[in-house]
Protein backbone atom coordinates (compact mmCIF):
# COMPACT_ATOMS: atom_id res chain seq x y z
CA MET A 1 -215.47 61.67 137.01
CA SER A 2 -219.09 60.81 136.27
CA ASP A 3 -220.72 59.04 133.35
CA THR A 4 -224.18 59.70 132.03
CA GLU A 5 -226.04 56.59 130.98
CA ILE A 6 -227.30 57.00 127.41
CA THR A 7 -228.97 55.02 124.66
CA PHE A 8 -228.99 55.55 120.91
CA SER A 9 -230.58 53.64 118.07
CA SER A 10 -228.93 52.03 115.07
CA GLY A 11 -231.31 50.21 112.79
CA ASP A 12 -233.50 48.12 115.06
CA VAL A 13 -230.92 47.87 117.85
CA THR A 14 -230.83 50.10 120.93
CA LEU A 15 -227.26 50.47 122.12
CA HIS A 16 -226.44 51.39 125.71
CA GLY A 17 -223.42 53.43 126.64
CA SER A 18 -221.73 56.06 128.78
CA LEU A 19 -221.30 59.71 127.84
CA ARG A 20 -218.79 61.81 129.71
CA VAL A 21 -218.49 65.57 129.19
CA PRO A 22 -215.97 67.56 131.28
CA VAL A 23 -217.89 70.10 133.33
CA SER A 24 -214.93 72.33 134.17
CA MET A 25 -214.32 73.43 130.57
CA ARG A 26 -215.80 76.59 129.04
CA GLY A 27 -217.58 76.33 125.73
CA PRO A 28 -218.06 73.25 123.52
CA VAL A 29 -215.29 70.67 123.93
CA PRO A 30 -213.71 68.21 121.50
CA ALA A 31 -215.08 64.69 121.80
CA VAL A 32 -213.92 61.15 121.14
CA LEU A 33 -215.88 58.07 120.14
CA LEU A 34 -214.23 55.01 121.72
CA LEU A 35 -214.51 51.70 119.87
CA ALA A 36 -213.89 48.34 121.54
CA GLY A 37 -212.00 45.37 120.16
CA SER A 38 -213.30 42.03 118.95
CA GLY A 39 -215.75 39.69 120.61
CA PRO A 40 -218.41 40.51 123.20
CA THR A 41 -216.55 43.53 124.57
CA ASP A 42 -218.50 46.12 126.55
CA ARG A 43 -218.18 49.88 127.01
CA ASN A 44 -215.37 49.49 129.56
CA GLY A 45 -213.31 47.10 127.45
CA ASP A 46 -214.32 44.06 129.52
CA SER A 47 -214.98 40.79 127.71
CA ALA A 48 -217.66 38.25 128.48
CA LEU A 49 -215.11 35.61 127.43
CA LEU A 50 -212.65 36.52 130.18
CA PRO A 51 -213.21 36.53 133.94
CA GLY A 52 -212.46 39.74 135.78
CA SER A 53 -212.06 43.34 134.74
CA ILE A 54 -209.90 44.70 131.93
CA GLY A 55 -211.09 48.31 131.80
CA THR A 56 -209.20 49.56 128.75
CA LEU A 57 -211.93 51.84 127.40
CA ARG A 58 -212.78 53.17 130.85
CA HIS A 59 -209.12 54.12 131.26
CA LEU A 60 -209.17 55.93 127.93
CA ALA A 61 -212.26 57.87 129.02
CA ASP A 62 -210.43 58.88 132.22
CA VAL A 63 -207.43 60.17 130.27
CA LEU A 64 -209.67 62.01 127.84
CA GLU A 65 -211.54 63.76 130.63
CA ARG A 66 -208.31 64.93 132.25
CA LYS A 67 -207.26 66.38 128.90
CA GLY A 68 -210.56 68.22 128.40
CA PHE A 69 -212.22 65.83 125.91
CA ALA A 70 -215.73 64.44 126.07
CA SER A 71 -216.12 60.76 125.26
CA LEU A 72 -218.73 58.20 124.31
CA ARG A 73 -218.24 54.48 124.79
CA TYR A 74 -220.92 51.85 124.41
CA ASP A 75 -221.72 48.19 124.91
CA LYS A 76 -221.19 46.87 121.41
CA PHE A 77 -223.74 44.52 119.90
CA GLY A 78 -223.59 41.20 121.74
CA SER A 79 -222.22 42.62 124.99
CA GLY A 80 -223.30 44.33 128.20
CA THR A 81 -226.72 45.90 128.48
CA THR A 82 -227.05 46.12 124.69
CA GLY A 83 -226.92 42.36 124.26
CA LEU A 84 -228.40 41.05 121.03
CA GLY A 85 -231.25 43.55 121.04
CA PRO A 86 -234.24 42.12 119.16
CA TYR A 87 -232.20 39.28 117.66
CA SER A 88 -231.92 35.66 118.68
CA VAL A 89 -228.65 33.73 118.67
CA GLU A 90 -229.78 32.04 115.45
CA ASP A 91 -230.38 35.42 113.77
CA VAL A 92 -226.80 36.58 114.31
CA ALA A 93 -225.49 34.49 111.42
CA ASP A 94 -227.37 36.80 109.04
CA LEU A 95 -225.62 39.91 110.37
CA GLY A 96 -222.30 40.87 108.88
CA PHE A 97 -219.39 42.97 110.09
CA SER A 98 -221.02 45.99 108.48
CA THR A 99 -223.47 45.93 111.41
CA PHE A 100 -220.68 47.04 113.75
CA ILE A 101 -219.62 49.81 111.36
CA ASP A 102 -223.20 51.06 111.12
CA HIS A 103 -223.49 51.11 114.92
CA ALA A 104 -220.28 53.11 115.21
CA SER A 105 -221.42 55.58 112.55
CA ASP A 106 -224.66 56.20 114.40
CA ALA A 107 -222.75 56.52 117.68
CA LEU A 108 -220.56 59.23 116.13
CA ALA A 109 -223.61 61.16 114.94
CA PHE A 110 -225.16 60.85 118.40
CA LEU A 111 -221.97 62.13 120.05
CA GLY A 112 -221.79 65.13 117.72
CA SER A 113 -225.34 66.13 118.64
CA GLN A 114 -224.75 66.27 122.40
CA ARG A 115 -224.86 69.48 124.38
CA GLY A 116 -221.39 70.75 125.28
CA VAL A 117 -219.72 68.85 122.40
CA ASP A 118 -218.06 70.65 119.49
CA PRO A 119 -219.31 68.80 116.37
CA LYS A 120 -216.37 70.15 114.37
CA ARG A 121 -213.88 68.40 116.64
CA LEU A 122 -215.00 64.78 116.67
CA TYR A 123 -212.32 62.10 116.92
CA VAL A 124 -212.53 58.31 116.70
CA VAL A 125 -210.23 56.11 118.78
CA GLY A 126 -210.42 52.36 118.19
CA HIS A 127 -208.67 49.59 120.09
CA SER A 128 -207.61 46.42 118.25
CA GLU A 129 -210.47 45.47 115.88
CA GLY A 130 -212.07 48.80 116.79
CA ALA A 131 -209.24 50.47 114.86
CA LEU A 132 -210.44 48.76 111.68
CA ILE A 133 -213.91 50.20 112.28
CA ALA A 134 -212.34 53.62 112.88
CA LEU A 135 -210.51 53.40 109.54
CA SER A 136 -213.74 52.39 107.83
CA LEU A 137 -215.58 55.37 109.31
CA ALA A 138 -212.85 57.73 108.11
CA GLN A 139 -213.40 56.95 104.44
CA ASP A 140 -214.69 60.14 102.79
CA ASN A 141 -216.04 61.37 106.14
CA ASP A 142 -215.26 65.02 106.77
CA SER A 143 -216.95 64.97 110.19
CA ILE A 144 -213.97 63.12 111.68
CA ALA A 145 -211.17 65.40 112.85
CA GLY A 146 -208.65 62.69 113.74
CA LEU A 147 -208.05 58.97 114.39
CA GLY A 148 -206.44 56.94 117.17
CA LEU A 149 -205.53 53.38 116.16
CA LEU A 150 -204.46 51.59 119.35
CA GLU A 151 -202.82 48.17 118.97
CA PRO A 152 -204.69 47.99 115.66
CA LEU A 153 -205.68 45.13 113.46
CA ALA A 154 -203.14 46.01 110.79
CA VAL A 155 -203.53 43.17 108.25
CA ARG A 156 -206.52 41.39 106.78
CA LEU A 157 -208.32 39.40 109.46
CA LEU A 158 -207.83 35.93 108.00
CA ASP A 159 -204.14 36.59 107.39
CA LEU A 160 -203.77 37.46 111.07
CA LEU A 161 -205.84 34.47 112.18
CA THR A 162 -203.72 32.16 110.02
CA ALA A 163 -200.48 33.56 111.46
CA GLN A 164 -201.77 33.18 115.02
CA ILE A 165 -202.93 29.59 114.53
CA ASP A 166 -199.67 28.68 112.77
CA ALA A 167 -197.69 30.04 115.72
CA GLN A 168 -199.86 28.12 118.20
CA LEU A 169 -199.40 24.90 116.24
CA ASP A 170 -195.64 25.42 116.10
CA ALA A 171 -195.58 25.89 119.87
CA VAL A 172 -197.56 22.78 120.77
CA VAL A 173 -195.61 20.64 118.30
CA ALA A 174 -192.31 21.90 119.72
CA ALA A 175 -193.56 21.09 123.23
CA GLY A 176 -194.42 17.55 122.19
CA GLN A 177 -198.10 18.11 122.84
CA LEU A 178 -199.28 17.51 119.27
CA PRO A 179 -198.00 15.19 116.53
CA VAL A 180 -196.64 16.91 113.43
CA GLN A 181 -199.07 15.01 111.22
CA ILE A 182 -202.13 16.34 113.05
CA ALA A 183 -200.71 19.88 113.00
CA ASP A 184 -200.22 19.60 109.24
CA GLU A 185 -203.80 18.37 108.82
CA LEU A 186 -205.05 21.39 110.76
CA ARG A 187 -203.01 23.74 108.58
CA VAL A 188 -204.51 22.20 105.41
CA ALA A 189 -208.02 22.52 106.86
CA LEU A 190 -207.32 26.14 107.82
CA THR A 191 -206.10 26.96 104.32
CA GLY A 192 -209.28 25.46 102.90
CA ALA A 193 -211.45 27.44 105.32
CA VAL A 194 -209.77 30.72 104.36
CA GLU A 195 -210.15 29.96 100.66
CA SER A 196 -213.84 29.16 101.17
CA LEU A 197 -214.49 32.37 103.09
CA ARG A 198 -212.75 34.47 100.48
CA ALA A 199 -214.42 32.71 97.56
CA ASP A 200 -218.06 32.68 98.62
CA GLY A 201 -218.27 33.64 102.31
CA THR A 202 -219.07 30.17 103.58
CA LEU A 203 -217.59 27.71 106.06
CA SER A 204 -217.98 23.96 106.39
CA ASP A 205 -219.60 22.74 109.60
CA ALA A 206 -217.18 19.81 109.58
CA LEU A 207 -213.95 21.66 110.34
CA PRO A 208 -211.70 20.16 113.04
CA GLU A 209 -212.63 21.13 116.58
CA PRO A 210 -209.55 23.36 117.21
CA LEU A 211 -210.55 25.53 114.23
CA ARG A 212 -214.19 25.67 115.34
CA ASN A 213 -212.98 26.74 118.78
CA ALA A 214 -211.10 29.57 117.06
CA GLY A 215 -214.42 30.89 115.73
CA LEU A 216 -214.39 29.26 112.30
CA VAL A 217 -218.01 28.14 112.37
CA PRO A 218 -220.82 28.75 109.84
CA ALA A 219 -222.62 31.17 112.18
CA ASN A 220 -219.60 33.51 111.97
CA ALA A 221 -218.95 33.09 108.24
CA LYS A 222 -220.65 36.25 106.97
CA ALA A 223 -219.03 38.49 109.57
CA LEU A 224 -215.60 36.92 109.05
CA ALA A 225 -215.78 37.28 105.28
CA GLU A 226 -216.94 40.91 105.45
CA GLU A 227 -214.28 41.87 107.96
CA ASP A 228 -211.53 40.09 106.02
CA ALA A 229 -212.53 42.00 102.89
CA LEU A 230 -211.45 45.21 104.64
CA ASP A 231 -207.71 45.62 104.16
CA PRO A 232 -206.44 48.05 106.85
CA ARG A 233 -203.56 49.24 104.69
CA MET A 234 -205.79 50.03 101.73
CA LEU A 235 -208.16 51.91 104.02
CA ALA A 236 -205.23 53.75 105.59
CA ALA A 237 -203.97 54.86 102.19
CA GLN A 238 -207.32 56.56 101.55
CA VAL A 239 -207.45 58.53 104.81
CA ALA A 240 -207.39 62.28 104.21
CA GLY A 241 -203.87 63.67 104.26
CA ASP A 242 -204.60 66.50 106.68
CA LEU A 243 -205.95 64.16 109.37
CA PRO A 244 -203.98 63.73 112.62
CA VAL A 245 -203.54 60.00 113.25
CA LEU A 246 -202.04 58.14 116.20
CA THR A 247 -200.92 54.52 115.99
CA THR A 248 -199.58 52.51 118.91
CA VAL A 249 -197.82 49.16 119.03
CA SER A 250 -195.86 47.28 121.66
CA SER A 251 -193.23 44.59 121.39
CA LYS A 252 -195.09 42.84 124.26
CA ASP A 253 -198.36 42.64 122.34
CA ILE A 254 -199.05 38.97 121.50
CA GLN A 255 -201.97 39.79 119.18
CA VAL A 256 -200.46 42.51 116.99
CA ARG A 257 -197.07 42.34 115.31
CA VAL A 258 -194.80 45.39 115.26
CA GLU A 259 -193.89 44.84 111.61
CA ASP A 260 -197.57 44.85 110.64
CA VAL A 261 -198.21 48.18 112.35
CA ASP A 262 -195.03 49.56 110.78
CA ALA A 263 -196.50 48.65 107.38
CA LEU A 264 -199.77 50.33 108.37
CA ASP A 265 -197.75 53.43 109.31
CA ALA A 266 -196.19 53.38 105.86
CA ALA A 267 -199.69 53.53 104.37
CA LEU A 268 -200.49 56.48 106.66
CA VAL A 269 -197.32 58.43 105.96
CA HIS A 270 -199.27 61.03 103.98
CA THR A 271 -201.28 61.95 107.10
CA ARG A 272 -200.23 63.89 110.19
CA LEU A 273 -199.01 60.64 111.73
CA THR A 274 -197.76 60.08 115.27
CA SER A 275 -196.46 56.56 115.88
CA LEU A 276 -195.95 55.34 119.45
CA HIS A 277 -193.73 52.27 119.89
CA MET A 278 -193.75 50.69 123.36
CA THR A 279 -191.81 47.96 125.16
CA ARG A 280 -193.66 47.29 128.42
CA THR A 281 -197.29 47.31 127.34
CA ASN A 282 -199.61 44.38 126.62
CA HIS A 283 -202.48 44.30 124.14
CA VAL A 284 -205.00 45.83 126.55
CA LEU A 285 -202.58 48.66 127.43
CA LYS A 286 -201.48 47.41 130.85
CA ASP A 287 -197.88 47.56 132.05
CA ILE A 288 -196.35 44.08 132.29
CA GLY A 289 -192.77 45.24 132.77
CA ASP A 290 -190.16 42.74 131.65
CA GLN A 291 -192.53 39.77 131.70
CA GLN A 292 -193.95 38.16 128.59
CA SER A 293 -197.66 38.49 127.97
CA THR A 294 -199.71 35.29 128.08
CA GLY A 295 -203.22 36.71 127.87
CA ALA A 296 -203.84 35.98 131.54
CA ASP A 297 -202.29 39.39 132.28
CA TYR A 298 -205.24 41.09 130.56
CA VAL A 299 -207.40 40.62 133.67
CA ALA A 300 -204.56 40.81 136.19
CA ASP A 301 -204.48 43.62 138.73
CA LEU A 302 -201.86 45.63 136.86
CA PRO A 303 -201.59 49.38 136.30
CA PHE A 304 -202.24 50.81 132.90
CA SER A 305 -199.08 51.53 130.99
CA ASP A 306 -197.48 54.90 131.66
CA GLU A 307 -195.63 54.74 128.35
CA PHE A 308 -199.00 54.49 126.63
CA THR A 309 -200.84 56.98 128.85
CA SER A 310 -198.15 59.64 128.56
CA GLY A 311 -197.85 59.18 124.79
CA PHE A 312 -201.60 59.24 124.29
CA GLY A 313 -201.88 62.30 126.51
CA ALA A 314 -199.18 64.11 124.55
CA TRP A 315 -201.06 63.41 121.31
CA LEU A 316 -204.26 64.77 122.85
CA ASP A 317 -202.40 67.91 123.93
CA LYS A 318 -201.34 68.46 120.31
CA LEU A 319 -204.93 68.09 119.14
CA ARG A 320 -206.11 70.77 121.55
CA GLY A 321 -203.24 73.05 120.46
């Protein structure tokens, strides 16, 4: 399995990535654009915020090659060799979430133009936040032949962030690590921050430190507001009915709730939907068995989930016919 180092341009940014085209197949092959999750996540699915290797997107590329699919994965803006391109850290506040959608759109066009790739069989597979970008790309886009939404962001971003912070506050209060009064003050501040973002796309620079540590800082305000404005269920309802779509969710995923993905599935019921429910798989698609995920298992030396890999492979087999 060998990758070809590539670059493509999107606006004034040069993105670096890896193209893989199976050499044993005859004729043009179907191809998949792989989209990483949130934060500074590179072409392999590794995060600059976590020590060690995760490798989720590299694993997907391996499975795709075995099934006869080409793939393109890239270091998203802010990660890997791509970095910030011509921008400074201060400039990033002026860039919204649409920047990531534009980069993905240009990546898809680049993939479709490659030798050995069938431009009529282009698929987009997004992991976590990447699934939201995949749904955005699929709006009125007849160049996309199918979607894979893996452990997807299935509700509006700020609704998910609020639910996650509420759960964390409940846990530390129950453990006696935080007074109820302070937790309540944080909840009030969080509600105000969400209202501000949704009203005019701004954030106060005086939010409590725990909320700033969660990314609620003025430099992120534009991107947060733009991403939150994208409702995954509304986007899903507008996906073309003849499109094959795969969704995956696991009861061990601590970042995505099963009931939220079930609701996303309901919005996709008009499509050719395949829904994969798992019980041993963490958010980054590794097998954690009967243990509970803590986040530390993302970089642990664990095998990728067979229940995911086999289900994903079966979906790919159906696409090839």
